[in-house]
Amino acid sequence: MFHFTIRSGRTMVAATLFGALLAALPLQDARAQQDVSPPKSILAVSGKHGADHGEARITELHDKLHITAAQEELWGKVAQAMRDNSTAMRASMAERSAHMKTMTAVDDLKSFQIIADLHSDGLKQLIPAFEALYAGMTPEQQKHADHVFEKHQHHGRM
């Protein structure tokens, strides 16, 4: 059970990292905020700011991983997967926000399921691209990448 918990924790950290990289979208209980304006996290990812934030995250990760000119093609596939995932997530969050005031509790749960499914599908696209990049990194870069991800795990942010 303990081994499962550690592995699950690492998987959750990876999912959380890429979720944050895609658009810093916390999956919080926005339903509790139904009687007020939508949470800033939803607003931030539903418009131009969300796209800008996603690009900033891509640039930040590129810099932190010390991507070389020789790795740019592989990095481009990672960045494109992140952009595609961000676009899909922003659209879903905008839709959720637009229907927030009329959602039933069941609708609310279903909307979170859609977001979770998008997140999972996004990881299915992102992981192979990142694996190829990681395999093309030097051992020093891999160690540094591991540290970047470990740092995120302990501090909640890259």
C-alpha atoms as a PDB file:
ATOM      1  CA  MET A   1       0.000   0.000   0.000  1.00  0.00           C
ATOM      2  CA  PHE A   2       2.836   2.420   0.857  1.00  0.00           C
ATOM      3  CA  HIS A   3       4.538   1.774  -2.501  1.00  0.00           C
ATOM      4  CA  PHE A   4       1.224   2.433  -4.258  1.00  0.00           C
ATOM      5  CA  THR A   5       0.835   5.695  -2.355  1.00  0.00           C
ATOM      6  CA  ILE A   6       4.299   6.926  -3.357  1.00  0.00           C
ATOM      7  CA  ARG A   7       3.741   5.973  -6.992  1.00  0.00           C
ATOM      8  CA  SER A   8       0.305   7.588  -6.942  1.00  0.00           C
ATOM      9  CA  GLY A   9       1.822  10.654  -5.345  1.00  0.00           C
ATOM     10  CA  ARG A  10       4.442  10.932  -8.076  1.00  0.00           C
ATOM     11  CA  THR A  11       1.802  10.487 -10.752  1.00  0.00           C
ATOM     12  CA  MET A  12      -0.295  13.162  -9.117  1.00  0.00           C
ATOM     13  CA  VAL A  13       2.716  15.472  -8.964  1.00  0.00           C
ATOM     14  CA  ALA A  14       3.417  14.954 -12.656  1.00  0.00           C
ATOM     15  CA  ALA A  15      -0.205  15.597 -13.513  1.00  0.00           C
ATOM     16  CA  THR A  16      -0.249  18.650 -11.301  1.00  0.00           C
ATOM     17  CA  LEU A  17       2.957  19.985 -12.817  1.00  0.00           C
ATOM     18  CA  PHE A  18       1.683  19.735 -16.354  1.00  0.00           C
ATOM     19  CA  GLY A  19      -1.665  21.094 -15.326  1.00  0.00           C
ATOM     20  CA  ALA A  20       0.108  24.085 -13.882  1.00  0.00           C
ATOM     21  CA  LEU A  21       2.267  24.380 -16.956  1.00  0.00           C
ATOM     22  CA  LEU A  22      -0.717  24.268 -19.231  1.00  0.00           C
ATOM     23  CA  ALA A  23      -2.537  27.084 -17.581  1.00  0.00           C
ATOM     24  CA  ALA A  24      -2.260  27.002 -13.824  1.00  0.00           C
ATOM     25  CA  LEU A  25      -5.722  25.556 -13.482  1.00  0.00           C
ATOM     26  CA  PRO A  26      -6.485  24.433  -9.967  1.00  0.00           C
ATOM     27  CA  LEU A  27      -9.354  21.986  -9.899  1.00  0.00           C
ATOM     28  CA  GLN A  28     -11.054  23.662  -6.998  1.00  0.00           C
ATOM     29  CA  ASP A  29     -14.651  23.617  -5.868  1.00  0.00           C
ATOM     30  CA  ALA A  30     -15.851  26.529  -7.949  1.00  0.00           C
ATOM     31  CA  ARG A  31     -19.398  25.483  -7.120  1.00  0.00           C
ATOM     32  CA  ALA A  32     -19.004  27.128  -3.713  1.00  0.00           C
ATOM     33  CA  GLN A  33     -18.410  30.402  -5.537  1.00  0.00           C
ATOM     34  CA  GLN A  34     -21.532  30.136  -7.669  1.00  0.00           C
ATOM     35  CA  ASP A  35     -23.226  33.196  -6.143  1.00  0.00           C
ATOM     36  CA  VAL A  36     -20.231  35.435  -6.885  1.00  0.00           C
ATOM     37  CA  SER A  37     -18.199  36.057 -10.000  1.00  0.00           C
ATOM     38  CA  PRO A  38     -16.240  33.092 -11.348  1.00  0.00           C
ATOM     39  CA  PRO A  39     -12.880  32.405  -9.688  1.00  0.00           C
ATOM     40  CA  LYS A  40      -9.948  34.342 -11.116  1.00  0.00           C
ATOM     41  CA  SER A  41      -8.317  31.082 -12.207  1.00  0.00           C
ATOM     42  CA  ILE A  42     -11.251  30.426 -14.528  1.00  0.00           C
ATOM     43  CA  LEU A  43     -11.239  33.949 -15.875  1.00  0.00           C
ATOM     44  CA  ALA A  44      -7.487  33.916 -16.363  1.00  0.00           C
ATOM     45  CA  VAL A  45      -7.545  30.857 -18.583  1.00  0.00           C
ATOM     46  CA  SER A  46     -10.664  31.724 -20.530  1.00  0.00           C
ATOM     47  CA  GLY A  47      -9.246  34.727 -22.360  1.00  0.00           C
ATOM     48  CA  LYS A  48      -6.060  36.069 -23.888  1.00  0.00           C
ATOM     49  CA  HIS A  49      -4.348  36.197 -20.488  1.00  0.00           C
ATOM     50  CA  GLY A  50      -4.660  32.412 -20.230  1.00  0.00           C
ATOM     51  CA  ALA A  51      -2.876  31.932 -23.549  1.00  0.00           C
ATOM     52  CA  ASP A  52      -0.180  34.402 -22.507  1.00  0.00           C
ATOM     53  CA  HIS A  53       0.236  32.606 -19.195  1.00  0.00           C
ATOM     54  CA  GLY A  54       0.541  29.269 -20.997  1.00  0.00           C
ATOM     55  CA  GLU A  55       3.242  30.695 -23.255  1.00  0.00           C
ATOM     56  CA  ALA A  56       5.052  32.068 -20.222  1.00  0.00           C
ATOM     57  CA  ARG A  57       4.983  28.596 -18.666  1.00  0.00           C
ATOM     58  CA  ILE A  58       6.358  27.060 -21.859  1.00  0.00           C
ATOM     59  CA  THR A  59       9.173  29.606 -21.939  1.00  0.00           C
ATOM     60  CA  GLU A  60       9.862  29.098 -18.239  1.00  0.00           C
ATOM     61  CA  LEU A  61      10.134  25.331 -18.617  1.00  0.00           C
ATOM     62  CA  HIS A  62      12.303  25.703 -21.751  1.00  0.00           C
ATOM     63  CA  ASP A  63      14.704  27.883 -19.782  1.00  0.00           C
ATOM     64  CA  LYS A  64      14.712  25.698 -16.685  1.00  0.00           C
ATOM     65  CA  LEU A  65      15.421  22.557 -18.700  1.00  0.00           C
ATOM     66  CA  HIS A  66      18.293  24.260 -20.564  1.00  0.00           C
ATOM     67  CA  ILE A  67      17.031  23.149 -23.962  1.00  0.00           C
ATOM     68  CA  THR A  68      19.822  23.237 -26.543  1.00  0.00           C
ATOM     69  CA  ALA A  69      19.557  24.175 -30.220  1.00  0.00           C
ATOM     70  CA  ALA A  70      19.895  20.482 -31.090  1.00  0.00           C
ATOM     71  CA  GLN A  71      16.875  19.687 -28.884  1.00  0.00           C
ATOM     72  CA  GLU A  72      14.599  22.402 -30.275  1.00  0.00           C
ATOM     73  CA  GLU A  73      12.741  20.058 -32.625  1.00  0.00           C
ATOM     74  CA  LEU A  74      11.870  17.706 -29.760  1.00  0.00           C
ATOM     75  CA  TRP A  75      11.058  20.661 -27.523  1.00  0.00           C
ATOM     76  CA  GLY A  76       8.730  22.014 -30.218  1.00  0.00           C
ATOM     77  CA  LYS A  77       6.621  18.855 -29.952  1.00  0.00           C
ATOM     78  CA  VAL A  78       6.426  19.258 -26.165  1.00  0.00           C
ATOM     79  CA  ALA A  79       5.505  22.922 -26.483  1.00  0.00           C
ATOM     80  CA  GLN A  80       2.834  22.173 -29.114  1.00  0.00           C
ATOM     81  CA  ALA A  81       1.278  19.490 -26.914  1.00  0.00           C
ATOM     82  CA  MET A  82       1.222  21.991 -24.048  1.00  0.00           C
ATOM     83  CA  ARG A  83      -0.410  24.629 -26.284  1.00  0.00           C
ATOM     84  CA  ASP A  84      -3.033  22.198 -27.569  1.00  0.00           C
ATOM     85  CA  ASN A  85      -3.828  21.047 -24.050  1.00  0.00           C
ATOM     86  CA  SER A  86      -4.029  24.622 -22.814  1.00  0.00           C
ATOM     87  CA  THR A  87      -6.426  25.577 -25.601  1.00  0.00           C
ATOM     88  CA  ALA A  88      -8.718  22.636 -24.857  1.00  0.00           C
ATOM     89  CA  MET A  89      -8.622  23.317 -21.120  1.00  0.00           C
ATOM     90  CA  ARG A  90      -9.365  27.043 -21.555  1.00  0.00           C
ATOM     91  CA  ALA A  91     -12.372  26.225 -23.739  1.00  0.00           C
ATOM     92  CA  SER A  92     -13.711  23.731 -21.214  1.00  0.00           C
ATOM     93  CA  MET A  93     -13.212  26.115 -18.311  1.00  0.00           C
ATOM     94  CA  ALA A  94     -14.924  28.935 -20.230  1.00  0.00           C
ATOM     95  CA  GLU A  95     -17.871  26.652 -20.923  1.00  0.00           C
ATOM     96  CA  ARG A  96     -18.026  25.661 -17.255  1.00  0.00           C
ATOM     97  CA  SER A  97     -17.882  29.298 -16.212  1.00  0.00           C
ATOM     98  CA  ALA A  98     -20.648  30.268 -18.632  1.00  0.00           C
ATOM     99  CA  HIS A  99     -22.998  27.676 -17.134  1.00  0.00           C
ATOM    100  CA  MET A 100     -21.957  28.012 -13.481  1.00  0.00           C
ATOM    101  CA  LYS A 101     -25.110  29.731 -12.259  1.00  0.00           C
ATOM    102  CA  THR A 102     -27.479  27.183 -13.790  1.00  0.00           C
ATOM    103  CA  MET A 103     -25.584  23.991 -12.960  1.00  0.00           C
ATOM    104  CA  THR A 104     -27.084  21.380 -10.741  1.00  0.00           C
ATOM    105  CA  ALA A 105     -24.838  19.419  -8.413  1.00  0.00           C
ATOM    106  CA  VAL A 106     -24.809  16.606 -10.981  1.00  0.00           C
ATOM    107  CA  ASP A 107     -23.906  19.043 -13.775  1.00  0.00           C
ATOM    108  CA  ASP A 108     -21.099  20.366 -11.590  1.00  0.00           C
ATOM    109  CA  LEU A 109     -19.646  16.895 -11.097  1.00  0.00           C
ATOM    110  CA  LYS A 110     -19.957  16.136 -14.799  1.00  0.00           C
ATOM    111  CA  SER A 111     -18.155  19.344 -15.702  1.00  0.00           C
ATOM    112  CA  PHE A 112     -15.282  18.369 -13.410  1.00  0.00           C
ATOM    113  CA  GLN A 113     -15.238  14.947 -15.066  1.00  0.00           C
ATOM    114  CA  ILE A 114     -14.880  16.628 -18.460  1.00  0.00           C
ATOM    115  CA  ILE A 115     -11.990  18.703 -17.140  1.00  0.00           C
ATOM    116  CA  ALA A 116     -10.328  15.648 -15.592  1.00  0.00           C
ATOM    117  CA  ASP A 117     -10.754  13.720 -18.850  1.00  0.00           C
ATOM    118  CA  LEU A 118      -9.245  16.604 -20.830  1.00  0.00           C
ATOM    119  CA  HIS A 119      -6.354  16.708 -18.403  1.00  0.00           C
ATOM    120  CA  SER A 120      -5.814  12.955 -18.747  1.00  0.00           C
ATOM    121  CA  ASP A 121      -6.066  13.075 -22.542  1.00  0.00           C
ATOM    122  CA  GLY A 122      -3.646  15.993 -22.565  1.00  0.00           C
ATOM    123  CA  LEU A 123      -1.125  14.024 -20.552  1.00  0.00           C
ATOM    124  CA  LYS A 124      -1.476  11.128 -22.981  1.00  0.00           C
ATOM    125  CA  GLN A 125      -0.341  13.511 -25.729  1.00  0.00           C
ATOM    126  CA  LEU A 126       2.287  15.309 -23.674  1.00  0.00           C
ATOM    127  CA  ILE A 127       4.069  12.367 -22.065  1.00  0.00           C
ATOM    128  CA  PRO A 128       5.367  10.724 -25.273  1.00  0.00           C
ATOM    129  CA  ALA A 129       6.645  14.092 -26.520  1.00  0.00           C
ATOM    130  CA  PHE A 130       8.354  14.748 -23.198  1.00  0.00           C
ATOM    131  CA  GLU A 131       9.759  11.199 -23.053  1.00  0.00           C
ATOM    132  CA  ALA A 132      11.400  11.699 -26.452  1.00  0.00           C
ATOM    133  CA  LEU A 133      12.868  15.023 -25.313  1.00  0.00           C
ATOM    134  CA  TYR A 134      14.072  13.512 -22.024  1.00  0.00           C
ATOM    135  CA  ALA A 135      15.698  10.601 -23.885  1.00  0.00           C
ATOM    136  CA  GLY A 136      17.564  13.133 -26.025  1.00  0.00           C
ATOM    137  CA  MET A 137      18.891  15.051 -23.038  1.00  0.00           C
ATOM    138  CA  THR A 138      22.373  14.686 -21.657  1.00  0.00           C
ATOM    139  CA  PRO A 139      22.641  12.865 -18.326  1.00  0.00           C
ATOM    140  CA  GLU A 140      23.286  16.245 -16.673  1.00  0.00           C
ATOM    141  CA  GLN A 141      20.136  17.709 -18.241  1.00  0.00           C
ATOM    142  CA  GLN A 142      18.116  14.681 -17.178  1.00  0.00           C
ATOM    143  CA  LYS A 143      19.357  15.065 -13.624  1.00  0.00           C
ATOM    144  CA  HIS A 144      18.497  18.756 -13.741  1.00  0.00           C
ATOM    145  CA  ALA A 145      15.024  17.977 -15.170  1.00  0.00           C
ATOM    146  CA  ASP A 146      14.488  15.486 -12.351  1.00  0.00           C
ATOM    147  CA  HIS A 147      15.448  18.219  -9.903  1.00  0.00           C
ATOM    148  CA  VAL A 148      13.038  20.704 -11.521  1.00  0.00           C
ATOM    149  CA  PHE A 149      10.215  18.205 -11.128  1.00  0.00           C
ATOM    150  CA  GLU A 150      11.294  17.300  -7.586  1.00  0.00           C
ATOM    151  CA  LYS A 151      11.424  20.985  -6.661  1.00  0.00           C
ATOM    152  CA  HIS A 152       7.907  21.394  -7.961  1.00  0.00           C
ATOM    153  CA  GLN A 153       6.792  18.443  -5.817  1.00  0.00           C
ATOM    154  CA  HIS A 154       8.164  19.997  -2.631  1.00  0.00           C
ATOM    155  CA  HIS A 155       7.277  23.623  -3.282  1.00  0.00           C
ATOM    156  CA  GLY A 156       4.089  23.284  -5.300  1.00  0.00           C
ATOM    157  CA  ARG A 157       5.539  25.333  -8.148  1.00  0.00           C
ATOM    158  CA  MET A 158       8.448  25.179 -10.561  1.00  0.00           C
END
